[in-house]
Amino acid sequence: MQDASIRKKFMLLHENTLVSLDVIEEEFVCNLSACKGECCVEGEFGAPLDEEEIAIIEKELPNILPYLTEAGAKKIKKEGFHELDTDGDIVTKCIKGRDCVFAISEKGVYKCGIEKAYEEGKTKFMKPISCHLYPIRLDKVGEYTALNYSRWDICSPACKQGKVLKVPIYKFLKNSLERKFGVEWYAGLEHIASEYLSSK
């Protein structure tokens, strides 16, 4: 789901990306037992989608729909699963301005129905990259892709847990960053982050 506040700071240039120093300096580890996955059901709009993800999800819908709530599946069948937000960006639809159509609940914790289908081997598509990368949000800045840290009060438990475990955002998101940008790109980011932090 879309969230509230992105603070843009100084950026580090890495290949065709601009990485906010927050991504390297700030600490974050999701704490689902505390936040209950509220990012799936809070926010004015749904999760951002890439153009290529729309075609993938449309193809995989028959495998995903059985994992969704009755309300989510019904809305998708009637209206589709994506729309444009007020900025003209493609996002997932929501139910009554709240729950993402793909959100499900397990033992009181919200999660992605697409991811549930993926975990059970029904689809090879894990979930939208915007969800997998959270709390990083991607923006286009000319020819570059900017990686910014999106701050949201519902993620305060993740911030606290990150500080306790001393895990910076870029390390917490290793798998999703490698999924989006590749293993070599991530290895380069680790090197840049290490050099930057050691110079402080």
N, C-alpha and C. Protein backbone atom coordinates (compact mmCIF):
# COMPACT_ATOMS: atom_id res chain seq x y z
N MET A 1 0.85 -1.19 0.00
CA MET A 1 0.00 0.00 0.00
C MET A 1 0.88 1.25 0.00
N GLN A 2 0.35 2.34 -0.52
CA GLN A 2 1.13 3.56 -0.51
C GLN A 2 1.12 4.18 0.87
N ASP A 3 2.17 4.90 1.16
CA ASP A 3 2.43 5.36 2.51
C ASP A 3 2.61 6.86 2.56
N ALA A 4 3.03 7.35 3.72
CA ALA A 4 2.92 8.77 3.97
C ALA A 4 4.10 9.63 3.58
N SER A 5 5.31 9.32 4.06
CA SER A 5 6.37 10.30 4.01
C SER A 5 7.67 9.74 3.47
N ILE A 6 8.22 10.38 2.44
CA ILE A 6 9.52 10.02 1.92
C ILE A 6 10.43 11.23 2.08
N ARG A 7 11.48 11.07 2.89
CA ARG A 7 12.43 12.15 3.10
C ARG A 7 13.63 11.95 2.19
N LYS A 8 13.83 12.85 1.27
CA LYS A 8 14.92 12.71 0.31
C LYS A 8 16.17 13.40 0.85
N LYS A 9 17.26 12.64 0.94
CA LYS A 9 18.52 13.14 1.45
C LYS A 9 19.57 13.09 0.35
N PHE A 10 20.83 13.27 0.76
CA PHE A 10 21.93 13.12 -0.18
C PHE A 10 21.94 11.70 -0.73
N MET A 11 22.36 11.58 -1.98
CA MET A 11 22.32 10.29 -2.65
C MET A 11 23.74 9.85 -3.05
N LEU A 12 23.91 8.53 -3.09
CA LEU A 12 25.14 7.95 -3.61
C LEU A 12 24.85 7.40 -5.01
N LEU A 13 25.72 7.71 -5.97
CA LEU A 13 25.56 7.22 -7.33
C LEU A 13 26.14 5.82 -7.43
N HIS A 14 25.32 4.88 -7.88
CA HIS A 14 25.78 3.50 -8.08
C HIS A 14 25.18 2.98 -9.38
N GLU A 15 26.04 2.83 -10.39
CA GLU A 15 25.62 2.44 -11.73
C GLU A 15 24.50 3.39 -12.20
N ASN A 16 23.31 2.86 -12.51
CA ASN A 16 22.24 3.74 -13.00
C ASN A 16 21.23 4.06 -11.90
N THR A 17 21.69 4.01 -10.64
CA THR A 17 20.80 4.29 -9.51
C THR A 17 21.39 5.38 -8.62
N LEU A 18 20.48 6.05 -7.91
CA LEU A 18 20.84 7.02 -6.88
C LEU A 18 20.29 6.49 -5.57
N VAL A 19 21.18 6.18 -4.63
CA VAL A 19 20.78 5.54 -3.38
C VAL A 19 20.83 6.56 -2.24
N SER A 20 19.67 6.79 -1.61
CA SER A 20 19.62 7.70 -0.48
C SER A 20 20.50 7.20 0.65
N LEU A 21 21.18 8.11 1.33
CA LEU A 21 22.00 7.72 2.47
C LEU A 21 21.17 7.07 3.56
N ASP A 22 19.89 7.41 3.63
CA ASP A 22 19.02 6.78 4.61
C ASP A 22 18.99 5.26 4.43
N VAL A 23 19.04 4.80 3.20
CA VAL A 23 18.98 3.37 2.91
C VAL A 23 20.18 2.65 3.51
N ILE A 24 21.29 3.36 3.63
CA ILE A 24 22.52 2.79 4.19
C ILE A 24 22.62 3.04 5.69
N GLU A 25 22.17 4.20 6.14
CA GLU A 25 22.37 4.59 7.54
C GLU A 25 21.27 4.11 8.48
N GLU A 26 20.03 4.12 8.01
CA GLU A 26 18.90 3.78 8.90
C GLU A 26 18.75 2.26 9.04
N GLU A 27 18.19 1.85 10.18
CA GLU A 27 18.04 0.42 10.48
C GLU A 27 16.57 0.03 10.50
N PHE A 28 16.29 -1.21 10.04
CA PHE A 28 14.89 -1.61 9.83
C PHE A 28 14.81 -3.13 9.69
N VAL A 29 13.93 -3.74 10.47
CA VAL A 29 13.63 -5.17 10.34
C VAL A 29 12.15 -5.35 10.65
N CYS A 30 11.39 -5.84 9.67
CA CYS A 30 9.95 -6.00 9.87
C CYS A 30 9.65 -6.80 11.13
N ASN A 31 8.63 -6.35 11.86
CA ASN A 31 8.20 -7.03 13.08
C ASN A 31 6.70 -7.29 12.95
N LEU A 32 6.35 -8.35 12.23
CA LEU A 32 4.95 -8.62 11.93
C LEU A 32 4.11 -8.90 13.16
N SER A 33 4.73 -9.44 14.21
CA SER A 33 3.97 -9.71 15.43
C SER A 33 3.50 -8.42 16.08
N ALA A 34 4.18 -7.31 15.78
CA ALA A 34 3.81 -6.02 16.36
C ALA A 34 2.94 -5.19 15.42
N CYS A 35 3.31 -5.14 14.14
CA CYS A 35 2.57 -4.28 13.19
C CYS A 35 1.38 -4.99 12.55
N LYS A 36 1.38 -6.33 12.60
CA LYS A 36 0.28 -7.14 12.04
C LYS A 36 0.12 -6.98 10.52
N GLY A 37 1.17 -6.49 9.85
CA GLY A 37 1.10 -6.35 8.39
C GLY A 37 0.15 -5.26 7.93
N GLU A 38 0.04 -4.21 8.73
CA GLU A 38 -0.90 -3.13 8.42
C GLU A 38 -0.60 -2.42 7.11
N CYS A 39 0.62 -2.55 6.59
CA CYS A 39 0.95 -1.89 5.32
C CYS A 39 0.12 -2.45 4.17
N CYS A 40 -0.49 -3.63 4.37
CA CYS A 40 -1.33 -4.23 3.32
C CYS A 40 -2.74 -3.63 3.29
N VAL A 41 -3.11 -2.94 4.35
CA VAL A 41 -4.49 -2.47 4.44
C VAL A 41 -4.63 -1.00 4.80
N GLU A 42 -3.50 -0.30 4.97
CA GLU A 42 -3.54 1.13 5.29
C GLU A 42 -2.98 1.93 4.13
N GLY A 43 -3.45 3.15 3.99
CA GLY A 43 -2.95 4.02 2.92
C GLY A 43 -4.06 4.45 1.99
N GLU A 44 -3.83 5.56 1.34
CA GLU A 44 -4.86 6.13 0.46
C GLU A 44 -5.05 5.32 -0.81
N PHE A 45 -3.95 4.73 -1.29
CA PHE A 45 -4.01 3.92 -2.52
C PHE A 45 -3.28 2.60 -2.30
N GLY A 46 -3.44 1.69 -3.28
CA GLY A 46 -2.79 0.39 -3.21
C GLY A 46 -1.31 0.46 -3.53
N ALA A 47 -0.70 -0.70 -3.71
CA ALA A 47 0.73 -0.80 -3.96
C ALA A 47 1.07 -0.42 -5.39
N PRO A 48 2.16 0.33 -5.60
CA PRO A 48 2.59 0.65 -6.96
C PRO A 48 2.92 -0.61 -7.77
N LEU A 49 2.59 -0.57 -9.06
CA LEU A 49 2.86 -1.70 -9.95
C LEU A 49 3.69 -1.23 -11.15
N ASP A 50 4.61 -2.08 -11.60
CA ASP A 50 5.32 -1.83 -12.84
C ASP A 50 4.44 -2.31 -14.00
N GLU A 51 4.64 -1.71 -15.17
CA GLU A 51 3.87 -2.11 -16.35
C GLU A 51 3.98 -3.61 -16.61
N GLU A 52 5.19 -4.15 -16.52
CA GLU A 52 5.37 -5.57 -16.83
C GLU A 52 4.69 -6.47 -15.80
N GLU A 53 4.53 -5.96 -14.58
CA GLU A 53 3.88 -6.76 -13.54
C GLU A 53 2.39 -6.96 -13.84
N ILE A 54 1.78 -6.00 -14.50
CA ILE A 54 0.35 -6.11 -14.82
C ILE A 54 0.09 -7.33 -15.70
N ALA A 55 0.90 -7.50 -16.74
CA ALA A 55 0.74 -8.65 -17.64
C ALA A 55 0.98 -9.97 -16.91
N ILE A 56 1.98 -9.97 -16.01
CA ILE A 56 2.30 -11.19 -15.26
C ILE A 56 1.14 -11.56 -14.34
N ILE A 57 0.62 -10.57 -13.61
CA ILE A 57 -0.47 -10.84 -12.67
C ILE A 57 -1.72 -11.29 -13.41
N GLU A 58 -2.01 -10.64 -14.54
CA GLU A 58 -3.19 -11.03 -15.33
C GLU A 58 -3.08 -12.50 -15.76
N LYS A 59 -1.90 -12.91 -16.16
CA LYS A 59 -1.69 -14.30 -16.58
C LYS A 59 -1.83 -15.27 -15.41
N GLU A 60 -1.38 -14.83 -14.23
CA GLU A 60 -1.36 -15.69 -13.05
C GLU A 60 -2.63 -15.63 -12.21
N LEU A 61 -3.57 -14.76 -12.57
CA LEU A 61 -4.79 -14.59 -11.76
C LEU A 61 -5.52 -15.90 -11.44
N PRO A 62 -5.67 -16.81 -12.40
CA PRO A 62 -6.37 -18.06 -12.07
C PRO A 62 -5.71 -18.82 -10.91
N ASN A 63 -4.40 -18.68 -10.77
CA ASN A 63 -3.67 -19.35 -9.69
C ASN A 63 -3.70 -18.56 -8.39
N ILE A 64 -3.93 -17.24 -8.50
CA ILE A 64 -3.89 -16.36 -7.33
C ILE A 64 -5.26 -16.20 -6.68
N LEU A 65 -6.31 -16.10 -7.49
CA LEU A 65 -7.65 -15.82 -6.97
C LEU A 65 -8.10 -16.75 -5.85
N PRO A 66 -7.81 -18.06 -5.90
CA PRO A 66 -8.26 -18.95 -4.82
C PRO A 66 -7.68 -18.60 -3.44
N TYR A 67 -6.60 -17.82 -3.43
CA TYR A 67 -5.95 -17.47 -2.17
C TYR A 67 -6.46 -16.15 -1.58
N LEU A 68 -7.30 -15.46 -2.31
CA LEU A 68 -7.75 -14.14 -1.88
C LEU A 68 -9.03 -14.22 -1.06
N THR A 69 -9.36 -13.11 -0.41
CA THR A 69 -10.62 -13.05 0.30
C THR A 69 -11.76 -13.04 -0.71
N GLU A 70 -12.94 -13.35 -0.25
CA GLU A 70 -14.10 -13.33 -1.15
C GLU A 70 -14.31 -11.94 -1.72
N ALA A 71 -14.14 -10.92 -0.86
CA ALA A 71 -14.32 -9.53 -1.30
C ALA A 71 -13.26 -9.13 -2.32
N GLY A 72 -12.01 -9.54 -2.08
CA GLY A 72 -10.93 -9.21 -2.99
C GLY A 72 -11.11 -9.85 -4.35
N ALA A 73 -11.44 -11.14 -4.35
CA ALA A 73 -11.63 -11.86 -5.61
C ALA A 73 -12.82 -11.30 -6.39
N LYS A 74 -13.88 -10.97 -5.67
CA LYS A 74 -15.08 -10.44 -6.32
C LYS A 74 -14.79 -9.10 -6.99
N LYS A 75 -14.05 -8.23 -6.30
CA LYS A 75 -13.74 -6.92 -6.85
C LYS A 75 -12.85 -7.05 -8.08
N ILE A 76 -11.87 -7.94 -8.03
CA ILE A 76 -10.97 -8.14 -9.16
C ILE A 76 -11.74 -8.65 -10.37
N LYS A 77 -12.63 -9.61 -10.15
CA LYS A 77 -13.41 -10.17 -11.26
C LYS A 77 -14.32 -9.12 -11.88
N LYS A 78 -14.81 -8.21 -11.06
CA LYS A 78 -15.75 -7.19 -11.54
C LYS A 78 -15.06 -5.97 -12.12
N GLU A 79 -13.98 -5.50 -11.47
CA GLU A 79 -13.38 -4.22 -11.83
C GLU A 79 -11.91 -4.30 -12.26
N GLY A 80 -11.28 -5.47 -12.09
CA GLY A 80 -9.85 -5.56 -12.35
C GLY A 80 -9.06 -5.31 -11.09
N PHE A 81 -7.74 -5.41 -11.18
CA PHE A 81 -6.92 -5.31 -9.97
C PHE A 81 -6.05 -4.06 -9.90
N HIS A 82 -6.10 -3.21 -10.92
CA HIS A 82 -5.25 -2.02 -10.88
C HIS A 82 -6.00 -0.78 -11.36
N GLU A 83 -5.45 0.39 -10.96
CA GLU A 83 -6.02 1.68 -11.32
C GLU A 83 -4.92 2.72 -11.27
N LEU A 84 -5.25 3.97 -11.57
CA LEU A 84 -4.29 5.07 -11.47
C LEU A 84 -4.55 5.86 -10.20
N ASP A 85 -3.47 6.23 -9.51
CA ASP A 85 -3.64 7.09 -8.33
C ASP A 85 -3.68 8.55 -8.78
N THR A 86 -3.71 9.47 -7.84
CA THR A 86 -3.84 10.90 -8.18
C THR A 86 -2.62 11.45 -8.90
N ASP A 87 -1.48 10.73 -8.83
CA ASP A 87 -0.28 11.16 -9.55
C ASP A 87 -0.16 10.50 -10.91
N GLY A 88 -1.17 9.68 -11.26
CA GLY A 88 -1.14 9.00 -12.54
C GLY A 88 -0.31 7.73 -12.54
N ASP A 89 0.07 7.24 -11.35
CA ASP A 89 0.85 6.01 -11.24
C ASP A 89 -0.09 4.80 -11.13
N ILE A 90 0.35 3.66 -11.63
CA ILE A 90 -0.45 2.44 -11.58
C ILE A 90 -0.30 1.80 -10.20
N VAL A 91 -1.43 1.50 -9.57
CA VAL A 91 -1.43 0.90 -8.23
C VAL A 91 -2.49 -0.20 -8.16
N THR A 92 -2.38 -1.06 -7.16
CA THR A 92 -3.41 -2.08 -6.97
C THR A 92 -4.68 -1.42 -6.44
N LYS A 93 -5.82 -2.01 -6.74
CA LYS A 93 -7.09 -1.48 -6.23
C LYS A 93 -7.27 -1.85 -4.77
N CYS A 94 -8.12 -1.07 -4.11
CA CYS A 94 -8.42 -1.32 -2.70
C CYS A 94 -9.91 -1.59 -2.53
N ILE A 95 -10.26 -2.21 -1.43
CA ILE A 95 -11.65 -2.47 -1.09
C ILE A 95 -12.12 -1.39 -0.12
N LYS A 96 -13.09 -0.60 -0.56
CA LYS A 96 -13.65 0.48 0.26
C LYS A 96 -12.56 1.41 0.79
N GLY A 97 -11.58 1.71 -0.08
CA GLY A 97 -10.54 2.67 0.28
C GLY A 97 -9.61 2.20 1.37
N ARG A 98 -9.53 0.89 1.59
CA ARG A 98 -8.67 0.38 2.67
C ARG A 98 -7.83 -0.80 2.22
N ASP A 99 -8.36 -2.02 2.34
CA ASP A 99 -7.58 -3.22 2.07
C ASP A 99 -7.20 -3.35 0.60
N CYS A 100 -5.91 -3.67 0.35
CA CYS A 100 -5.49 -4.04 -1.00
C CYS A 100 -6.29 -5.27 -1.41
N VAL A 101 -6.69 -5.36 -2.68
CA VAL A 101 -7.49 -6.50 -3.14
C VAL A 101 -6.75 -7.83 -2.98
N PHE A 102 -5.42 -7.75 -2.86
CA PHE A 102 -4.63 -8.97 -2.71
C PHE A 102 -4.32 -9.30 -1.25
N ALA A 103 -4.78 -8.46 -0.32
CA ALA A 103 -4.48 -8.68 1.10
C ALA A 103 -5.33 -9.80 1.68
N ILE A 104 -4.68 -10.66 2.46
CA ILE A 104 -5.39 -11.70 3.20
C ILE A 104 -4.94 -11.65 4.65
N SER A 105 -5.63 -12.35 5.51
CA SER A 105 -5.28 -12.36 6.93
C SER A 105 -5.06 -13.80 7.39
N GLU A 106 -3.95 -14.01 8.09
CA GLU A 106 -3.64 -15.32 8.67
C GLU A 106 -3.27 -15.12 10.14
N LYS A 107 -4.07 -15.69 11.03
CA LYS A 107 -3.82 -15.59 12.47
C LYS A 107 -3.67 -14.13 12.91
N GLY A 108 -4.52 -13.27 12.33
CA GLY A 108 -4.52 -11.87 12.73
C GLY A 108 -3.45 -11.01 12.11
N VAL A 109 -2.67 -11.58 11.19
CA VAL A 109 -1.61 -10.84 10.51
C VAL A 109 -1.92 -10.76 9.03
N TYR A 110 -1.89 -9.55 8.48
CA TYR A 110 -2.14 -9.37 7.05
C TYR A 110 -0.90 -9.73 6.24
N LYS A 111 -1.13 -10.32 5.08
CA LYS A 111 -0.05 -10.61 4.16
C LYS A 111 -0.61 -10.59 2.74
N CYS A 112 0.26 -10.83 1.77
CA CYS A 112 -0.14 -10.77 0.36
C CYS A 112 -0.62 -12.14 -0.12
N GLY A 113 -1.81 -12.18 -0.71
CA GLY A 113 -2.35 -13.41 -1.25
C GLY A 113 -1.51 -13.94 -2.41
N ILE A 114 -0.89 -13.04 -3.17
CA ILE A 114 0.00 -13.47 -4.25
C ILE A 114 1.18 -14.22 -3.66
N GLU A 115 1.74 -13.68 -2.59
CA GLU A 115 2.89 -14.32 -1.94
C GLU A 115 2.51 -15.68 -1.36
N LYS A 116 1.29 -15.78 -0.84
CA LYS A 116 0.82 -17.07 -0.31
C LYS A 116 0.76 -18.12 -1.43
N ALA A 117 0.25 -17.72 -2.59
CA ALA A 117 0.21 -18.63 -3.74
C ALA A 117 1.62 -19.01 -4.16
N TYR A 118 2.54 -18.05 -4.11
CA TYR A 118 3.94 -18.30 -4.46
C TYR A 118 4.57 -19.30 -3.50
N GLU A 119 4.32 -19.11 -2.21
CA GLU A 119 4.89 -20.00 -1.19
C GLU A 119 4.40 -21.44 -1.37
N GLU A 120 3.20 -21.60 -1.89
CA GLU A 120 2.65 -22.94 -2.09
C GLU A 120 2.89 -23.47 -3.50
N GLY A 121 3.74 -22.77 -4.26
CA GLY A 121 4.16 -23.25 -5.56
C GLY A 121 3.13 -23.11 -6.67
N LYS A 122 2.14 -22.25 -6.48
CA LYS A 122 1.09 -22.09 -7.48
C LYS A 122 1.42 -21.02 -8.51
N THR A 123 2.38 -20.17 -8.22
CA THR A 123 2.81 -19.13 -9.16
C THR A 123 4.29 -18.87 -8.95
N LYS A 124 4.97 -18.43 -10.01
CA LYS A 124 6.39 -18.09 -9.90
C LYS A 124 6.58 -16.60 -9.61
N PHE A 125 5.47 -15.86 -9.58
CA PHE A 125 5.53 -14.42 -9.27
C PHE A 125 5.36 -14.23 -7.77
N MET A 126 6.37 -13.68 -7.10
CA MET A 126 6.34 -13.60 -5.64
C MET A 126 5.32 -12.60 -5.13
N LYS A 127 5.41 -11.36 -5.58
CA LYS A 127 4.51 -10.26 -5.24
C LYS A 127 5.06 -9.02 -5.92
N PRO A 128 4.30 -7.92 -5.97
CA PRO A 128 4.83 -6.70 -6.60
C PRO A 128 6.16 -6.29 -5.98
N ILE A 129 7.08 -5.86 -6.82
CA ILE A 129 8.41 -5.48 -6.32
C ILE A 129 8.32 -4.30 -5.35
N SER A 130 7.32 -3.44 -5.51
CA SER A 130 7.19 -2.31 -4.59
C SER A 130 6.92 -2.79 -3.17
N CYS A 131 6.20 -3.90 -3.03
CA CYS A 131 5.93 -4.46 -1.71
C CYS A 131 7.18 -5.17 -1.18
N HIS A 132 7.85 -5.88 -2.06
CA HIS A 132 9.05 -6.63 -1.66
C HIS A 132 10.17 -5.69 -1.24
N LEU A 133 10.22 -4.51 -1.83
CA LEU A 133 11.28 -3.54 -1.53
C LEU A 133 10.97 -2.63 -0.33
N TYR A 134 9.76 -2.67 0.16
CA TYR A 134 9.41 -1.73 1.22
C TYR A 134 10.30 -1.92 2.44
N PRO A 135 10.85 -0.84 3.08
CA PRO A 135 10.43 0.56 3.00
C PRO A 135 11.14 1.43 1.96
N ILE A 136 11.78 0.81 0.98
CA ILE A 136 12.35 1.60 -0.10
C ILE A 136 11.28 1.84 -1.15
N ARG A 137 11.23 3.07 -1.65
CA ARG A 137 10.38 3.41 -2.78
C ARG A 137 11.28 3.89 -3.92
N LEU A 138 10.90 3.52 -5.13
CA LEU A 138 11.68 3.87 -6.31
C LEU A 138 11.06 5.05 -7.04
N ASP A 139 11.90 5.96 -7.52
CA ASP A 139 11.46 7.11 -8.30
C ASP A 139 12.40 7.27 -9.49
N LYS A 140 11.88 7.78 -10.59
CA LYS A 140 12.72 8.10 -11.73
C LYS A 140 13.24 9.52 -11.60
N VAL A 141 14.55 9.68 -11.74
CA VAL A 141 15.18 11.00 -11.72
C VAL A 141 16.03 11.09 -12.99
N GLY A 142 15.43 11.64 -14.03
CA GLY A 142 16.10 11.66 -15.32
C GLY A 142 16.34 10.24 -15.80
N GLU A 143 17.60 9.91 -16.07
CA GLU A 143 17.94 8.57 -16.55
C GLU A 143 18.21 7.60 -15.41
N TYR A 144 18.11 8.08 -14.18
CA TYR A 144 18.44 7.26 -13.01
C TYR A 144 17.19 6.79 -12.27
N THR A 145 17.36 5.69 -11.51
CA THR A 145 16.33 5.22 -10.58
C THR A 145 16.79 5.58 -9.17
N ALA A 146 15.98 6.36 -8.47
CA ALA A 146 16.33 6.77 -7.11
C ALA A 146 15.71 5.82 -6.09
N LEU A 147 16.49 5.44 -5.09
CA LEU A 147 16.02 4.59 -4.00
C LEU A 147 15.90 5.45 -2.75
N ASN A 148 14.67 5.69 -2.31
CA ASN A 148 14.42 6.52 -1.13
C ASN A 148 13.79 5.71 -0.01
N TYR A 149 14.09 6.11 1.21
CA TYR A 149 13.51 5.48 2.39
C TYR A 149 12.17 6.13 2.69
N SER A 150 11.10 5.34 2.68
CA SER A 150 9.76 5.84 2.95
C SER A 150 9.42 5.60 4.42
N ARG A 151 9.22 6.67 5.15
CA ARG A 151 8.93 6.56 6.58
C ARG A 151 7.42 6.52 6.81
N TRP A 152 7.00 5.59 7.65
CA TRP A 152 5.57 5.43 7.94
C TRP A 152 5.43 5.06 9.41
N ASP A 153 4.55 5.73 10.13
CA ASP A 153 4.47 5.51 11.58
C ASP A 153 4.09 4.07 11.93
N ILE A 154 3.35 3.38 11.05
CA ILE A 154 2.98 2.00 11.38
C ILE A 154 4.19 1.07 11.35
N CYS A 155 5.30 1.56 10.80
CA CYS A 155 6.51 0.75 10.75
C CYS A 155 7.46 1.06 11.91
N SER A 156 7.00 1.79 12.91
CA SER A 156 7.87 2.10 14.05
C SER A 156 8.39 0.84 14.74
N PRO A 157 7.59 -0.25 14.85
CA PRO A 157 8.15 -1.48 15.44
C PRO A 157 9.33 -2.03 14.64
N ALA A 158 9.28 -1.87 13.31
CA ALA A 158 10.37 -2.34 12.46
C ALA A 158 11.63 -1.50 12.68
N CYS A 159 11.44 -0.20 12.89
CA CYS A 159 12.58 0.68 13.17
C CYS A 159 13.23 0.31 14.50
N LYS A 160 12.41 0.05 15.49
CA LYS A 160 12.94 -0.33 16.81
C LYS A 160 13.68 -1.66 16.74
N GLN A 161 13.09 -2.63 16.04
CA GLN A 161 13.72 -3.94 15.93
C GLN A 161 15.01 -3.85 15.13
N GLY A 162 15.03 -3.01 14.10
CA GLY A 162 16.24 -2.82 13.32
C GLY A 162 17.38 -2.27 14.14
N LYS A 163 17.07 -1.32 15.03
CA LYS A 163 18.10 -0.74 15.90
C LYS A 163 18.63 -1.77 16.89
N VAL A 164 17.73 -2.60 17.42
CA VAL A 164 18.15 -3.64 18.36
C VAL A 164 19.08 -4.64 17.68
N LEU A 165 18.70 -5.05 16.47
CA LEU A 165 19.47 -6.05 15.72
C LEU A 165 20.62 -5.45 14.91
N LYS A 166 20.63 -4.10 14.83
CA LYS A 166 21.66 -3.37 14.09
C LYS A 166 21.74 -3.81 12.62
N VAL A 167 20.56 -3.82 11.97
CA VAL A 167 20.48 -4.22 10.56
C VAL A 167 20.06 -3.01 9.71
N PRO A 168 20.96 -2.49 8.89
CA PRO A 168 20.58 -1.36 8.02
C PRO A 168 19.59 -1.81 6.95
N ILE A 169 18.85 -0.84 6.42
CA ILE A 169 17.80 -1.14 5.44
C ILE A 169 18.33 -1.95 4.26
N TYR A 170 19.48 -1.55 3.72
CA TYR A 170 19.96 -2.23 2.51
C TYR A 170 20.30 -3.69 2.78
N LYS A 171 20.68 -4.03 4.01
CA LYS A 171 20.96 -5.43 4.33
C LYS A 171 19.67 -6.20 4.59
N PHE A 172 18.70 -5.56 5.22
CA PHE A 172 17.41 -6.21 5.44
C PHE A 172 16.74 -6.56 4.11
N LEU A 173 16.96 -5.71 3.10
CA LEU A 173 16.31 -5.89 1.80
C LEU A 173 17.23 -6.53 0.76
N LYS A 174 18.22 -7.27 1.19
CA LYS A 174 19.19 -7.88 0.26
C LYS A 174 18.48 -8.69 -0.84
N ASN A 175 17.58 -9.57 -0.46
CA ASN A 175 16.93 -10.44 -1.45
C ASN A 175 16.10 -9.65 -2.44
N SER A 176 15.35 -8.66 -1.96
CA SER A 176 14.50 -7.89 -2.87
C SER A 176 15.33 -6.96 -3.75
N LEU A 177 16.42 -6.42 -3.22
CA LEU A 177 17.29 -5.57 -4.04
C LEU A 177 17.98 -6.40 -5.12
N GLU A 178 18.38 -7.62 -4.79
CA GLU A 178 18.97 -8.50 -5.79
C GLU A 178 17.93 -8.89 -6.83
N ARG A 179 16.70 -9.09 -6.39
CA ARG A 179 15.62 -9.41 -7.34
C ARG A 179 15.43 -8.28 -8.34
N LYS A 180 15.47 -7.05 -7.86
CA LYS A 180 15.21 -5.90 -8.73
C LYS A 180 16.42 -5.51 -9.58
N PHE A 181 17.60 -5.46 -8.97
CA PHE A 181 18.76 -4.89 -9.65
C PHE A 181 19.86 -5.91 -9.98
N GLY A 182 19.78 -7.11 -9.41
CA GLY A 182 20.78 -8.12 -9.70
C GLY A 182 21.81 -8.32 -8.59
N VAL A 183 22.44 -9.50 -8.59
CA VAL A 183 23.40 -9.85 -7.55
C VAL A 183 24.65 -8.97 -7.62
N GLU A 184 25.14 -8.71 -8.83
CA GLU A 184 26.34 -7.89 -8.97
C GLU A 184 26.09 -6.46 -8.51
N TRP A 185 24.92 -5.94 -8.85
CA TRP A 185 24.57 -4.58 -8.40
C TRP A 185 24.58 -4.52 -6.88
N TYR A 186 23.99 -5.52 -6.24
CA TYR A 186 23.93 -5.50 -4.77
C TYR A 186 25.32 -5.62 -4.16
N ALA A 187 26.17 -6.46 -4.74
CA ALA A 187 27.53 -6.59 -4.24
C ALA A 187 28.25 -5.24 -4.32
N GLY A 188 28.01 -4.51 -5.40
CA GLY A 188 28.60 -3.18 -5.54
C GLY A 188 28.07 -2.22 -4.49
N LEU A 189 26.76 -2.32 -4.20
CA LEU A 189 26.17 -1.46 -3.16
C LEU A 189 26.79 -1.76 -1.81
N GLU A 190 26.98 -3.04 -1.50
CA GLU A 190 27.61 -3.41 -0.22
C GLU A 190 29.00 -2.78 -0.10
N HIS A 191 29.76 -2.81 -1.19
CA HIS A 191 31.10 -2.24 -1.17
C HIS A 191 31.04 -0.73 -0.94
N ILE A 192 30.14 -0.07 -1.67
CA ILE A 192 30.00 1.39 -1.52
C ILE A 192 29.55 1.74 -0.10
N ALA A 193 28.58 0.99 0.42
CA ALA A 193 28.07 1.25 1.77
C ALA A 193 29.15 1.06 2.81
N SER A 194 29.95 0.00 2.65
CA SER A 194 31.04 -0.26 3.60
C SER A 194 32.06 0.86 3.60
N GLU A 195 32.42 1.33 2.41
CA GLU A 195 33.39 2.42 2.30
C GLU A 195 32.83 3.70 2.89
N TYR A 196 31.56 3.97 2.61
CA TYR A 196 30.94 5.19 3.11
C TYR A 196 30.88 5.17 4.65
N LEU A 197 30.41 4.06 5.22
CA LEU A 197 30.25 3.98 6.67
C LEU A 197 31.61 4.03 7.40
N SER A 198 32.61 3.43 6.80
CA SER A 198 33.94 3.44 7.43
C SER A 198 34.59 4.81 7.38
N SER A 199 34.12 5.65 6.46
CA SER A 199 34.69 7.00 6.32
C SER A 199 34.04 8.01 7.25
N LYS A 200 32.93 7.63 7.88
CA LYS A 200 32.19 8.58 8.74
C LYS A 200 32.93 8.82 10.05
